[in-house]
N, C-alpha and C. Protein backbone atom coordinates (compact mmCIF):
# COMPACT_ATOMS: atom_id res chain seq x y z
N MET A 1 -4.42 3.63 261.09
CA MET A 1 -5.49 3.63 260.11
C MET A 1 -4.89 3.38 258.74
N LYS A 2 -5.52 2.48 257.98
CA LYS A 2 -5.04 2.15 256.65
C LYS A 2 -5.32 3.28 255.67
N ALA A 3 -4.44 3.43 254.68
CA ALA A 3 -4.67 4.41 253.63
C ALA A 3 -5.86 3.95 252.79
N LYS A 4 -6.66 4.89 252.35
CA LYS A 4 -7.82 4.55 251.55
C LYS A 4 -7.41 4.27 250.11
N LYS A 5 -8.13 3.34 249.47
CA LYS A 5 -7.85 2.96 248.09
C LYS A 5 -8.55 3.92 247.13
N LYS A 6 -7.97 4.11 245.96
CA LYS A 6 -8.62 4.92 244.93
C LYS A 6 -9.77 4.13 244.32
N ILE A 7 -10.81 4.84 243.88
CA ILE A 7 -11.94 4.18 243.24
C ILE A 7 -11.53 3.79 241.83
N PRO A 8 -11.65 2.50 241.47
CA PRO A 8 -11.29 2.08 240.11
C PRO A 8 -12.16 2.79 239.07
N SER A 9 -11.55 3.20 237.97
CA SER A 9 -12.29 3.95 236.94
C SER A 9 -13.38 3.12 236.28
N ASN A 10 -13.26 1.79 236.31
CA ASN A 10 -14.27 0.94 235.68
C ASN A 10 -15.41 0.59 236.63
N ASN A 11 -15.39 1.12 237.86
CA ASN A 11 -16.44 0.84 238.85
C ASN A 11 -17.28 2.10 239.05
N LYS A 12 -18.26 2.31 238.17
CA LYS A 12 -19.08 3.54 238.20
C LYS A 12 -20.01 3.58 239.40
N GLY A 13 -20.50 2.43 239.87
CA GLY A 13 -21.44 2.40 240.98
C GLY A 13 -20.80 2.79 242.30
N LEU A 14 -19.54 2.45 242.49
CA LEU A 14 -18.86 2.73 243.75
C LEU A 14 -18.78 4.23 244.01
N SER A 15 -18.53 5.02 242.97
CA SER A 15 -18.41 6.46 243.14
C SER A 15 -19.76 7.12 243.48
N LYS A 16 -20.87 6.41 243.24
CA LYS A 16 -22.20 6.96 243.53
C LYS A 16 -22.64 6.69 244.96
N LEU A 17 -21.92 5.83 245.67
CA LEU A 17 -22.27 5.53 247.06
C LEU A 17 -21.98 6.74 247.95
N PRO A 18 -22.69 6.88 249.07
CA PRO A 18 -22.38 7.97 250.00
C PRO A 18 -20.94 7.85 250.51
N LYS A 19 -20.35 8.99 250.79
CA LYS A 19 -18.94 9.06 251.19
C LYS A 19 -18.65 8.19 252.41
N ASP A 20 -19.53 8.22 253.43
CA ASP A 20 -19.26 7.44 254.63
C ASP A 20 -19.29 5.94 254.35
N VAL A 21 -20.12 5.49 253.40
CA VAL A 21 -20.15 4.07 253.03
C VAL A 21 -18.85 3.70 252.33
N ARG A 22 -18.40 4.54 251.39
CA ARG A 22 -17.12 4.28 250.69
C ARG A 22 -15.97 4.23 251.68
N ASN A 23 -15.97 5.18 252.65
CA ASN A 23 -14.89 5.21 253.62
C ASN A 23 -14.85 3.93 254.45
N LYS A 24 -16.02 3.41 254.85
CA LYS A 24 -16.06 2.16 255.60
C LYS A 24 -15.52 1.00 254.78
N MET A 25 -15.70 1.09 253.45
CA MET A 25 -15.20 0.05 252.56
C MET A 25 -13.71 0.23 252.26
N GLY A 26 -13.17 1.36 252.65
CA GLY A 26 -11.74 1.61 252.42
C GLY A 26 -11.44 2.40 251.16
N TYR A 27 -12.46 3.01 250.54
CA TYR A 27 -12.25 3.81 249.33
C TYR A 27 -12.38 5.29 249.64
N MET A 28 -11.68 6.10 248.86
CA MET A 28 -11.75 7.55 249.03
C MET A 28 -12.46 8.16 247.83
N LYS A 29 -12.92 9.40 248.00
CA LYS A 29 -13.62 10.05 246.90
C LYS A 29 -12.66 10.68 245.91
N GLU A 30 -11.78 11.56 246.38
CA GLU A 30 -10.90 12.27 245.47
C GLU A 30 -9.49 11.72 245.50
N GLY A 31 -9.05 11.27 246.64
CA GLY A 31 -7.76 10.63 246.75
C GLY A 31 -6.58 11.58 246.68
N GLY A 32 -5.41 11.03 246.75
CA GLY A 32 -4.18 11.80 246.70
C GLY A 32 -3.75 12.28 248.06
N LYS A 33 -2.52 12.72 248.13
CA LYS A 33 -1.97 13.22 249.38
C LYS A 33 -2.33 14.68 249.56
N LEU A 34 -2.32 15.09 250.80
CA LEU A 34 -2.59 16.48 251.13
C LEU A 34 -1.30 17.27 250.98
N LYS A 35 -1.35 18.38 250.23
CA LYS A 35 -0.19 19.25 250.08
C LYS A 35 -0.34 20.41 251.05
N VAL A 36 0.59 20.52 252.00
CA VAL A 36 0.55 21.59 252.99
C VAL A 36 1.51 22.67 252.54
N SER A 37 1.00 23.87 252.38
CA SER A 37 1.78 25.02 251.92
C SER A 37 2.55 25.64 253.09
N SER A 38 3.58 26.40 252.76
CA SER A 38 4.29 27.14 253.80
C SER A 38 3.55 28.43 254.13
N LYS A 39 2.53 28.77 253.33
CA LYS A 39 1.72 29.96 253.57
C LYS A 39 0.70 29.67 254.67
N SER A 40 0.30 30.72 255.37
CA SER A 40 -0.74 30.56 256.38
C SER A 40 -1.70 31.75 256.29
N VAL A 41 -2.84 31.58 256.92
CA VAL A 41 -3.85 32.63 256.92
C VAL A 41 -4.35 32.80 258.36
N GLY A 42 -4.51 34.06 258.77
CA GLY A 42 -5.02 34.37 260.11
C GLY A 42 -6.53 34.52 260.06
N ILE A 43 -7.22 33.80 260.93
CA ILE A 43 -8.68 33.81 260.94
C ILE A 43 -9.17 34.50 262.20
N ASP A 44 -10.03 35.51 262.02
CA ASP A 44 -10.66 36.19 263.14
C ASP A 44 -11.73 35.29 263.74
N PRO A 45 -11.97 35.37 265.03
CA PRO A 45 -13.05 34.58 265.64
C PRO A 45 -14.41 35.18 265.31
N PRO A 46 -15.48 34.40 265.40
CA PRO A 46 -16.82 34.96 265.23
C PRO A 46 -17.12 35.98 266.33
N ALA A 47 -18.07 36.84 266.09
CA ALA A 47 -18.44 37.86 267.08
C ALA A 47 -18.81 37.19 268.41
N GLY A 48 -18.32 37.78 269.50
CA GLY A 48 -18.64 37.27 270.82
C GLY A 48 -17.76 36.11 271.26
N HIS A 49 -16.69 35.82 270.50
CA HIS A 49 -15.78 34.72 270.82
C HIS A 49 -14.33 35.18 270.70
N HIS A 50 -13.42 34.35 271.17
CA HIS A 50 -11.99 34.61 270.98
C HIS A 50 -11.26 33.27 270.88
N TRP A 51 -10.06 33.33 270.32
CA TRP A 51 -9.24 32.13 270.16
C TRP A 51 -8.34 31.92 271.36
N MET A 52 -8.16 30.65 271.70
CA MET A 52 -7.17 30.25 272.70
C MET A 52 -6.20 29.30 271.99
N GLU A 53 -4.90 29.45 272.26
CA GLU A 53 -3.90 28.56 271.68
C GLU A 53 -3.26 27.76 272.80
N GLU A 54 -3.20 26.45 272.59
CA GLU A 54 -2.57 25.55 273.56
C GLU A 54 -1.84 24.47 272.79
N GLN A 55 -0.53 24.38 272.99
CA GLN A 55 0.33 23.39 272.34
C GLN A 55 0.13 23.36 270.82
N GLY A 56 0.04 24.55 270.22
CA GLY A 56 -0.08 24.66 268.76
C GLY A 56 -1.47 24.43 268.21
N ARG A 57 -2.45 24.19 269.06
CA ARG A 57 -3.83 23.99 268.61
C ARG A 57 -4.68 25.17 269.05
N TYR A 58 -5.70 25.47 268.24
CA TYR A 58 -6.57 26.59 268.53
C TYR A 58 -7.93 26.09 268.99
N TYR A 59 -8.48 26.79 269.98
CA TYR A 59 -9.79 26.49 270.52
C TYR A 59 -10.61 27.77 270.51
N LEU A 60 -11.88 27.66 270.22
CA LEU A 60 -12.77 28.81 270.19
C LEU A 60 -13.48 28.91 271.54
N MET A 61 -13.38 30.07 272.16
CA MET A 61 -13.98 30.28 273.48
C MET A 61 -15.03 31.39 273.39
N GLU A 62 -16.04 31.29 274.21
CA GLU A 62 -17.05 32.34 274.28
C GLU A 62 -16.47 33.56 274.98
N GLY A 63 -16.96 34.72 274.63
CA GLY A 63 -16.50 35.97 275.23
C GLY A 63 -15.54 36.70 274.31
N ASN A 64 -15.60 38.01 274.31
CA ASN A 64 -14.71 38.81 273.48
C ASN A 64 -13.27 38.71 273.96
N TYR A 65 -12.33 39.02 273.06
CA TYR A 65 -10.91 38.92 273.37
C TYR A 65 -10.51 39.91 274.46
N LYS A 66 -9.82 39.41 275.46
CA LYS A 66 -9.13 40.21 276.48
C LYS A 66 -7.79 39.52 276.69
N PRO A 67 -6.71 40.28 276.73
CA PRO A 67 -5.40 39.63 276.91
C PRO A 67 -5.35 38.81 278.20
N HIS A 68 -5.02 37.53 278.04
CA HIS A 68 -4.77 36.64 279.17
C HIS A 68 -3.98 35.44 278.65
N PRO A 69 -3.38 34.63 279.50
CA PRO A 69 -2.54 33.52 279.04
C PRO A 69 -3.26 32.60 278.06
N GLY A 70 -2.66 32.43 276.90
CA GLY A 70 -3.21 31.55 275.87
C GLY A 70 -4.13 32.22 274.87
N ALA A 71 -4.62 33.41 275.18
CA ALA A 71 -5.55 34.11 274.28
C ALA A 71 -4.78 34.73 273.11
N VAL A 72 -5.32 34.57 271.90
CA VAL A 72 -4.73 35.18 270.70
C VAL A 72 -5.84 35.87 269.92
N LYS A 73 -5.47 36.94 269.20
CA LYS A 73 -6.47 37.69 268.43
C LYS A 73 -6.90 36.95 267.17
N LYS A 74 -5.96 36.25 266.53
CA LYS A 74 -6.25 35.50 265.31
C LYS A 74 -5.65 34.12 265.41
N ALA A 75 -6.32 33.13 264.80
CA ALA A 75 -5.79 31.78 264.71
C ALA A 75 -5.09 31.64 263.36
N ASN A 76 -3.85 31.21 263.36
CA ASN A 76 -3.09 31.06 262.11
C ASN A 76 -3.11 29.61 261.66
N PHE A 77 -3.67 29.38 260.47
CA PHE A 77 -3.77 28.05 259.90
C PHE A 77 -2.93 27.96 258.63
N LYS A 78 -2.26 26.82 258.43
CA LYS A 78 -1.53 26.57 257.19
C LYS A 78 -2.53 26.26 256.08
N LEU A 79 -2.21 26.68 254.87
CA LEU A 79 -3.06 26.38 253.72
C LEU A 79 -2.71 25.01 253.19
N ALA A 80 -3.72 24.26 252.76
CA ALA A 80 -3.50 22.92 252.24
C ALA A 80 -4.40 22.69 251.03
N SER A 81 -4.00 21.75 250.17
CA SER A 81 -4.81 21.38 249.02
C SER A 81 -4.55 19.91 248.69
N HIS A 82 -5.46 19.31 247.93
CA HIS A 82 -5.27 17.93 247.48
C HIS A 82 -4.54 17.94 246.15
N SER A 83 -3.69 16.96 245.95
CA SER A 83 -3.06 16.82 244.63
C SER A 83 -4.11 16.27 243.68
N LYS A 84 -4.05 16.65 242.44
CA LYS A 84 -5.05 16.20 241.46
C LYS A 84 -4.41 15.33 240.42
């Protein structure tokens, strides 16, 4: 996938288009690279669900947490932000 182009500052109409239209044209809204922090945050599942971890990815499953292979109490996600 090609990197999206920044919206030129002299093109006021382009920034008013819906995001999906701009994306199809190859433009981004805010732009910049994603900064991934070394910090992470643990997220509890919604009531009546539990997290499953498989190959570093988290999946939300129905049913309360009970210890079994792949089940985790919290999903740990890295914090990220856009450069400005």
